[in-house]
Amino acid sequence: MPLSVLLAVGPSTEPGSLDEAAKQAGDAAGYVEQNWSTWLNTGLRIALILLVALVMRMLLRRALTKLIERMNRSAQAVEGTALGGLLVNAERRRQRSEAIGSVLRSVSSFVILGTAGLMILGAFKIDLAPLLASAGVAGVAIGFGARNLVTDFLSGVFMIMEDQYGVGDSIDAGVASGEVIEVGLRVTKLRGDNGEIWYVRNGEIKRIGNLSQGWATASVDVMVRPTEDLDHIRSVISEVADVLAKSEPWNERLWGPVEVLGLNEVLLDSMTVRVSAKTMPGKALGVERELRWRIKQAFDRAGIRIVGGLPPMAEEATATDPTAGMAAPSAYASTTSPQSMATTPIGPQANMSK
């Protein structure tokens, strides 16, 4: 290209490009100079929100962890003592505290981080109204789709927090009954009387009968003959109760005196005396069996016959005539008796015409 052409073109294009670039750079510098304070403010605000959220989450989780450890230490402190053996189940307390701690940590993290996220979006000047509306609609749809799961989870949370039952308790959950071997936020595992394991959803449990809380009642009905002396029966049972209350391990399983409540039923051939005692939870069946055993032995020694033993007449029966059980001889046994003669066939008649 000739030099004249370059000289003619150069001065006409290069100044315009430089001026445009300088203008753009100036505009950018002006934009940055005009908005740098806003950006810095927004960045510092976001960093402060994240810092506060993370610090709050860490402090809250640490506080919850210490609280759970303290609950476990208090359970271990009484383990092995009389109070611990009667009222505290260390595994139950540990599982309950761990479950509550897990739920609280998850809820606290969700609330803190969710709030921090919304505040960060608000710092970017984003309208949160459509986002919240969409999240609400999505939450409603998910809630309807997973309502059984949500119901099971919420029921499990309240069951654990209210300590309705725990590991080792014997409960009647309506749909199944047995000993609790695991408590979860969604499912409770029970071991039945025959060894089977029941998986019961917490949302299906409408009522719970806990047989391991508070105290139990051991009731024994003793059926005796109506001719027995009631005062004698009461005194014999009272002696049995005094001995039982001082024997190992029944002195720990009995939480109250063995009481003779009185006659529960009176019939023509029997009467029923009811005996009752307050026992340790879950030990009523063993106390009832021991009471029956000792009462039966004491009644045998005292000569008190309970219904179902030997009949009264059998004890007083004497030797009788051995021929009393034989049938009377038949009239047909004698050939000369009128009955035998009447049944004898008539023989041939002698010839009377000679």
Protein backbone atom coordinates (compact mmCIF):
# COMPACT_ATOMS: atom_id res chain seq x y z
CA MET A 1 0.00 0.00 0.00
CA PRO A 2 1.42 3.44 -0.92
CA LEU A 3 2.60 5.64 1.91
CA SER A 4 0.25 8.37 0.81
CA VAL A 5 -2.69 6.07 1.28
CA LEU A 6 -1.53 5.06 4.79
CA LEU A 7 -1.01 8.66 5.74
CA ALA A 8 -4.43 9.51 4.37
CA VAL A 9 -6.20 6.65 6.18
CA GLY A 10 -4.26 6.68 9.44
CA PRO A 11 -5.07 10.08 10.77
CA SER A 12 -8.76 9.58 9.94
CA THR A 13 -9.23 6.22 11.84
CA GLU A 14 -6.78 6.02 14.73
CA PRO A 15 -7.88 9.11 16.59
CA GLY A 16 -11.49 7.92 16.51
CA SER A 17 -10.63 4.49 17.90
CA LEU A 18 -8.49 5.96 20.64
CA ASP A 19 -11.13 8.44 21.54
CA GLU A 20 -13.80 5.72 21.70
CA ALA A 21 -11.60 3.49 23.84
CA ALA A 22 -10.79 6.37 26.10
CA LYS A 23 -14.46 7.18 26.39
CA GLN A 24 -15.34 3.60 27.27
CA ALA A 25 -12.55 3.46 29.80
CA GLY A 26 -13.73 6.69 31.28
CA ASP A 27 -17.28 5.44 31.46
CA ALA A 28 -16.14 2.23 33.13
CA ALA A 29 -13.98 4.11 35.57
CA GLY A 30 -16.83 6.42 36.32
CA TYR A 31 -19.22 3.50 36.79
CA VAL A 32 -16.77 1.79 39.10
CA GLU A 33 -16.08 5.00 40.96
CA GLN A 34 -19.77 5.63 41.24
CA ASN A 35 -20.75 2.13 42.43
CA TRP A 36 -17.67 0.79 44.22
CA SER A 37 -19.04 1.86 47.57
CA THR A 38 -22.29 -0.03 46.89
CA TRP A 39 -20.40 -3.14 45.86
CA LEU A 40 -18.14 -2.94 48.85
CA ASN A 41 -21.11 -2.45 51.12
CA THR A 42 -22.93 -5.41 49.56
CA GLY A 43 -19.88 -7.66 49.76
CA LEU A 44 -19.19 -6.75 53.35
CA ARG A 45 -22.86 -7.28 54.16
CA ILE A 46 -22.86 -10.75 52.57
CA ALA A 47 -19.62 -11.69 54.32
CA LEU A 48 -21.00 -10.48 57.63
CA ILE A 49 -24.23 -12.46 57.13
CA LEU A 50 -22.29 -15.65 56.34
CA LEU A 51 -19.92 -15.12 59.26
CA VAL A 52 -22.71 -14.52 61.74
CA ALA A 53 -24.72 -17.49 60.41
CA LEU A 54 -21.76 -19.89 60.62
CA VAL A 55 -20.77 -18.69 64.09
CA MET A 56 -24.34 -19.00 65.36
CA ARG A 57 -24.66 -22.48 63.85
CA MET A 58 -21.38 -23.61 65.39
CA LEU A 59 -22.22 -22.21 68.82
CA LEU A 60 -25.71 -23.67 68.81
CA ARG A 61 -24.54 -27.13 67.71
CA ARG A 62 -21.81 -27.08 70.36
CA ALA A 63 -24.34 -26.11 73.03
CA LEU A 64 -26.67 -28.92 71.94
CA THR A 65 -23.79 -31.41 71.98
CA LYS A 66 -22.81 -30.41 75.51
CA LEU A 67 -26.43 -30.65 76.61
CA ILE A 68 -26.69 -34.19 75.22
CA GLU A 69 -23.41 -35.21 76.86
CA ARG A 70 -24.65 -33.86 80.18
CA MET A 71 -27.87 -35.83 79.85
CA ASN A 72 -25.89 -39.00 79.12
CA ARG A 73 -23.55 -38.39 82.07
CA SER A 74 -26.51 -37.94 84.41
CA ALA A 75 -27.93 -41.27 83.20
CA GLN A 76 -24.58 -43.02 83.68
CA ALA A 77 -24.15 -41.54 87.16
CA VAL A 78 -27.19 -43.38 88.51
CA GLU A 79 -26.64 -46.54 86.49
CA GLY A 80 -25.98 -49.50 88.75
CA THR A 81 -27.62 -47.94 91.79
CA ALA A 82 -31.02 -48.86 93.20
CA LEU A 83 -32.57 -45.73 91.72
CA GLY A 84 -30.93 -46.37 88.38
CA GLY A 85 -32.13 -49.94 88.30
CA LEU A 86 -35.71 -48.97 89.02
CA LEU A 87 -36.24 -45.71 87.20
CA VAL A 88 -33.47 -45.12 84.66
CA ASN A 89 -32.59 -47.02 81.51
CA ALA A 90 -29.21 -45.76 80.27
CA GLU A 91 -29.70 -47.02 76.72
CA ARG A 92 -33.14 -45.45 76.60
CA ARG A 93 -31.86 -42.11 77.88
CA ARG A 94 -28.93 -42.18 75.47
CA GLN A 95 -31.08 -42.96 72.45
CA ARG A 96 -33.66 -40.38 73.42
CA SER A 97 -31.05 -37.66 73.94
CA GLU A 98 -29.29 -38.52 70.67
CA ALA A 99 -32.55 -38.41 68.74
CA ILE A 100 -33.58 -35.09 70.27
CA GLY A 101 -30.10 -33.66 69.65
CA SER A 102 -30.14 -34.77 66.01
CA VAL A 103 -33.54 -33.21 65.43
CA LEU A 104 -32.59 -29.95 67.15
CA ARG A 105 -29.29 -29.69 65.26
CA SER A 106 -31.00 -30.29 61.93
CA VAL A 107 -33.76 -27.78 62.66
CA SER A 108 -31.34 -25.13 63.91
CA SER A 109 -29.06 -25.53 60.86
CA PHE A 110 -32.01 -25.32 58.48
CA VAL A 111 -33.41 -22.21 60.14
CA ILE A 112 -30.08 -20.37 60.42
CA LEU A 113 -28.76 -21.18 56.94
CA GLY A 114 -32.16 -20.64 55.34
CA THR A 115 -32.50 -17.23 56.94
CA ALA A 116 -28.95 -16.34 55.88
CA GLY A 117 -29.69 -17.35 52.29
CA LEU A 118 -32.78 -15.18 52.16
CA MET A 119 -30.85 -12.23 53.60
CA ILE A 120 -28.11 -12.67 50.97
CA LEU A 121 -30.69 -12.69 48.19
CA GLY A 122 -32.19 -9.56 49.69
CA ALA A 123 -28.73 -7.93 49.68
CA PHE A 124 -28.59 -8.46 45.88
CA LYS A 125 -31.89 -6.53 45.53
CA ILE A 126 -33.73 -9.67 44.43
CA ASP A 127 -37.48 -9.64 44.93
CA LEU A 128 -38.21 -12.48 47.31
CA ALA A 129 -41.99 -12.42 47.01
CA PRO A 130 -42.21 -14.69 43.90
CA LEU A 131 -39.54 -16.99 45.33
CA LEU A 132 -41.34 -17.35 48.64
CA ALA A 133 -44.65 -17.90 46.84
CA SER A 134 -43.11 -20.62 44.66
CA ALA A 135 -41.48 -22.23 47.69
CA GLY A 136 -44.82 -22.20 49.49
CA VAL A 137 -46.60 -23.90 46.60
CA ALA A 138 -43.82 -26.47 46.27
CA GLY A 139 -43.92 -27.12 50.02
CA VAL A 140 -47.67 -27.70 49.90
CA ALA A 141 -47.31 -30.10 46.97
CA ILE A 142 -44.51 -32.04 48.69
CA GLY A 143 -46.50 -32.09 51.92
CA PHE A 144 -49.53 -33.63 50.19
CA GLY A 145 -47.36 -36.15 48.37
CA ALA A 146 -45.40 -37.21 51.45
CA ARG A 147 -48.03 -36.62 54.12
CA ASN A 148 -47.58 -40.10 55.59
CA LEU A 149 -43.83 -39.56 55.92
CA VAL A 150 -44.36 -36.13 57.48
CA THR A 151 -46.96 -37.57 59.86
CA ASP A 152 -44.63 -40.38 60.93
CA PHE A 153 -41.74 -37.97 61.45
CA LEU A 154 -43.71 -35.45 63.51
CA SER A 155 -45.30 -38.21 65.59
CA GLY A 156 -41.87 -39.70 66.27
CA VAL A 157 -40.46 -36.32 67.31
CA PHE A 158 -43.24 -35.70 69.81
CA MET A 159 -43.12 -39.27 71.15
CA ILE A 160 -39.41 -38.96 71.85
CA MET A 161 -39.59 -35.45 73.29
CA GLU A 162 -42.51 -36.36 75.55
CA ASP A 163 -40.81 -39.63 76.59
CA GLN A 164 -43.93 -41.67 75.95
CA TYR A 165 -41.87 -44.87 75.76
CA GLY A 166 -38.29 -45.95 75.28
CA VAL A 167 -36.01 -48.92 74.71
CA GLY A 168 -36.83 -51.73 77.12
CA ASP A 169 -40.43 -50.66 77.79
CA SER A 170 -43.31 -53.06 77.29
CA ILE A 171 -46.06 -51.22 75.43
CA ASP A 172 -49.41 -51.87 73.79
CA ALA A 173 -49.51 -49.75 70.63
CA GLY A 174 -52.91 -50.98 69.45
CA VAL A 175 -51.68 -52.46 66.17
CA ALA A 176 -48.97 -54.46 67.98
CA SER A 177 -47.63 -55.04 71.46
CA GLY A 178 -44.31 -56.13 72.91
CA GLU A 179 -40.98 -54.86 74.18
CA VAL A 180 -39.49 -51.78 72.51
CA ILE A 181 -36.07 -52.58 71.01
CA GLU A 182 -35.60 -49.42 68.91
CA VAL A 183 -37.25 -46.02 68.70
CA GLY A 184 -36.85 -44.04 65.48
CA LEU A 185 -38.28 -40.84 64.11
CA ARG A 186 -40.35 -42.78 61.57
CA VAL A 187 -40.62 -46.40 62.80
CA THR A 188 -40.74 -48.10 66.21
CA LYS A 189 -39.49 -51.70 66.47
CA LEU A 190 -41.22 -54.05 68.93
CA ARG A 191 -40.38 -57.62 69.89
CA GLY A 192 -43.52 -59.66 70.50
CA ASP A 193 -44.12 -62.35 73.08
CA ASN A 194 -43.22 -65.11 70.59
CA GLY A 195 -40.00 -63.41 69.47
CA GLU A 196 -41.36 -61.76 66.33
CA ILE A 197 -40.29 -58.19 65.49
CA TRP A 198 -42.97 -55.64 64.63
CA TYR A 199 -42.17 -52.52 62.61
CA VAL A 200 -44.82 -49.96 63.52
CA ARG A 201 -45.01 -46.59 61.81
CA ASN A 202 -45.26 -43.80 64.34
CA GLY A 203 -48.09 -42.14 62.44
CA GLU A 204 -50.25 -45.28 62.83
CA ILE A 205 -49.99 -45.31 66.62
CA LYS A 206 -53.19 -43.71 67.92
CA ARG A 207 -52.85 -44.83 71.53
CA ILE A 208 -50.02 -46.19 73.66
CA GLY A 209 -50.30 -48.26 76.81
CA ASN A 210 -46.93 -48.25 78.57
CA LEU A 211 -46.66 -51.19 80.93
CA SER A 212 -43.21 -50.18 82.22
CA GLN A 213 -43.89 -46.74 83.66
CA GLY A 214 -45.04 -46.01 87.20
CA TRP A 215 -46.07 -49.27 88.87
CA ALA A 216 -47.94 -52.49 88.11
CA THR A 217 -50.54 -54.50 90.01
CA ALA A 218 -50.30 -58.20 90.78
CA SER A 219 -53.73 -59.76 91.39
CA VAL A 220 -54.33 -63.35 92.50
CA ASP A 221 -57.76 -64.97 92.88
CA VAL A 222 -57.92 -67.92 95.30
CA MET A 223 -61.00 -70.16 95.05
CA VAL A 224 -61.82 -72.11 98.21
CA ARG A 225 -64.81 -74.03 99.54
CA PRO A 226 -67.62 -71.92 100.98
CA THR A 227 -67.30 -73.72 104.31
CA GLU A 228 -63.78 -72.44 105.01
CA ASP A 229 -63.13 -69.91 107.79
CA LEU A 230 -62.47 -66.50 106.23
CA ASP A 231 -60.49 -65.20 109.21
CA HIS A 232 -58.22 -68.24 109.03
CA ILE A 233 -57.72 -67.69 105.31
CA ARG A 234 -56.82 -64.04 105.88
CA SER A 235 -54.29 -64.88 108.57
CA VAL A 236 -52.61 -67.55 106.42
CA ILE A 237 -52.33 -65.20 103.43
CA SER A 238 -50.98 -62.43 105.67
CA GLU A 239 -48.23 -64.74 106.92
CA VAL A 240 -47.34 -65.62 103.34
CA ALA A 241 -47.23 -61.93 102.44
CA ASP A 242 -44.92 -61.08 105.35
CA VAL A 243 -42.48 -63.81 104.39
CA LEU A 244 -42.57 -62.83 100.72
CA ALA A 245 -41.92 -59.15 101.51
CA LYS A 246 -38.71 -60.09 103.38
CA SER A 247 -37.36 -62.52 100.78
CA GLU A 248 -34.93 -61.78 97.96
CA PRO A 249 -35.56 -60.60 95.25
CA TRP A 250 -39.24 -60.09 95.99
CA ASN A 251 -38.58 -57.36 98.57
CA GLU A 252 -37.38 -55.11 95.71
CA ARG A 253 -40.12 -56.08 93.28
CA LEU A 254 -42.89 -55.43 95.79
CA TRP A 255 -43.62 -51.70 96.04
CA GLY A 256 -46.42 -52.10 98.56
CA PRO A 257 -47.91 -54.57 101.03
CA VAL A 258 -49.77 -57.63 99.84
CA GLU A 259 -53.42 -56.95 100.66
CA VAL A 260 -56.37 -59.29 100.98
CA LEU A 261 -59.08 -57.25 99.27
CA GLY A 262 -61.88 -59.59 100.35
CA LEU A 263 -64.40 -61.83 98.67
CA ASN A 264 -64.63 -61.22 94.97
CA GLU A 265 -67.27 -63.85 94.26
CA VAL A 266 -69.48 -66.19 96.31
CA LEU A 267 -71.14 -69.22 94.72
CA LEU A 268 -72.89 -72.33 96.01
CA ASP A 269 -69.82 -74.54 95.69
CA SER A 270 -66.97 -72.00 95.96
CA MET A 271 -65.92 -68.53 96.95
CA THR A 272 -63.12 -66.39 95.52
CA VAL A 273 -60.71 -64.40 97.69
CA ARG A 274 -58.77 -61.67 95.84
CA VAL A 275 -55.18 -60.82 96.81
CA SER A 276 -53.45 -57.75 95.35
CA ALA A 277 -50.04 -56.06 95.56
CA LYS A 278 -48.32 -53.08 93.94
CA THR A 279 -45.14 -54.16 92.14
CA MET A 280 -42.25 -52.87 90.07
CA PRO A 281 -43.23 -52.16 86.44
CA GLY A 282 -43.10 -55.30 84.32
CA LYS A 283 -42.73 -57.64 87.32
CA ALA A 284 -46.39 -58.26 88.11
CA LEU A 285 -46.56 -61.64 86.36
CA GLY A 286 -43.62 -63.05 88.30
CA VAL A 287 -45.04 -61.81 91.61
CA GLU A 288 -48.41 -63.41 90.81
CA ARG A 289 -46.81 -66.79 90.12
CA GLU A 290 -44.78 -66.65 93.32
CA LEU A 291 -47.84 -65.67 95.34
CA ARG A 292 -49.85 -68.59 93.96
CA TRP A 293 -47.00 -70.99 94.73
CA ARG A 294 -46.61 -69.85 98.33
CA ILE A 295 -50.35 -69.58 99.02
CA LYS A 296 -50.92 -73.12 97.74
CA GLN A 297 -48.16 -74.48 100.00
CA ALA A 298 -49.46 -72.54 103.00
CA PHE A 299 -53.04 -73.74 102.41
CA ASP A 300 -51.86 -77.35 102.24
CA ARG A 301 -50.06 -76.98 105.56
CA ALA A 302 -53.08 -75.27 107.15
CA GLY A 303 -55.56 -77.84 105.82
CA ILE A 304 -57.44 -75.35 103.67
CA ARG A 305 -58.70 -77.07 100.56
CA ILE A 306 -58.97 -74.97 97.42
CA VAL A 307 -61.54 -75.78 94.78
CA GLY A 308 -60.23 -78.35 92.35
CA GLY A 309 -58.67 -80.63 94.97
CA LEU A 310 -60.10 -83.88 96.30
CA PRO A 311 -63.86 -83.87 96.84
CA PRO A 312 -64.92 -83.59 100.50
CA MET A 313 -66.79 -86.97 100.49
CA ALA A 314 -63.76 -88.80 99.11
CA GLU A 315 -61.72 -87.86 102.19
CA GLU A 316 -64.39 -89.18 104.62
CA ALA A 317 -65.36 -92.31 102.71
CA THR A 318 -65.12 -95.62 104.65
CA ALA A 319 -64.95 -99.23 103.52
CA THR A 320 -68.27 -100.39 102.06
CA ASP A 321 -69.80 -103.78 101.29
CA PRO A 322 -67.97 -105.28 98.28
CA THR A 323 -71.26 -106.66 96.99
CA ALA A 324 -72.87 -103.22 96.99
CA GLY A 325 -71.79 -102.61 93.44
CA MET A 326 -73.15 -105.95 92.20
CA ALA A 327 -76.47 -106.23 90.42
CA ALA A 328 -79.35 -108.11 92.03
CA PRO A 329 -79.80 -111.72 90.83
CA SER A 330 -82.32 -112.17 88.04
CA ALA A 331 -85.59 -113.97 88.66
CA TYR A 332 -84.90 -116.10 85.61
CA ALA A 333 -81.82 -117.59 87.24
CA SER A 334 -83.97 -120.06 89.23
CA THR A 335 -85.78 -122.75 87.20
CA THR A 336 -88.55 -123.05 89.82
CA SER A 337 -89.43 -119.37 89.90
CA PRO A 338 -92.80 -118.38 88.43
CA GLN A 339 -91.05 -116.27 85.80
CA SER A 340 -88.97 -119.24 84.62
CA MET A 341 -91.97 -121.58 84.73
CA ALA A 342 -93.97 -119.13 82.62
CA THR A 343 -91.30 -119.07 79.96
CA THR A 344 -90.75 -122.87 79.89
CA PRO A 345 -92.24 -124.41 76.67
CA ILE A 346 -95.08 -126.85 77.14
CA GLY A 347 -93.99 -130.46 76.57
CA PRO A 348 -96.02 -133.24 74.81
CA GLN A 349 -99.19 -134.39 76.60
CA ALA A 350 -99.56 -138.02 77.76
CA ASN A 351 -102.13 -140.22 75.87
CA MET A 352 -105.23 -140.10 78.05
CA SER A 353 -107.35 -142.61 75.99
CA LYS A 354 -106.25 -146.13 76.93
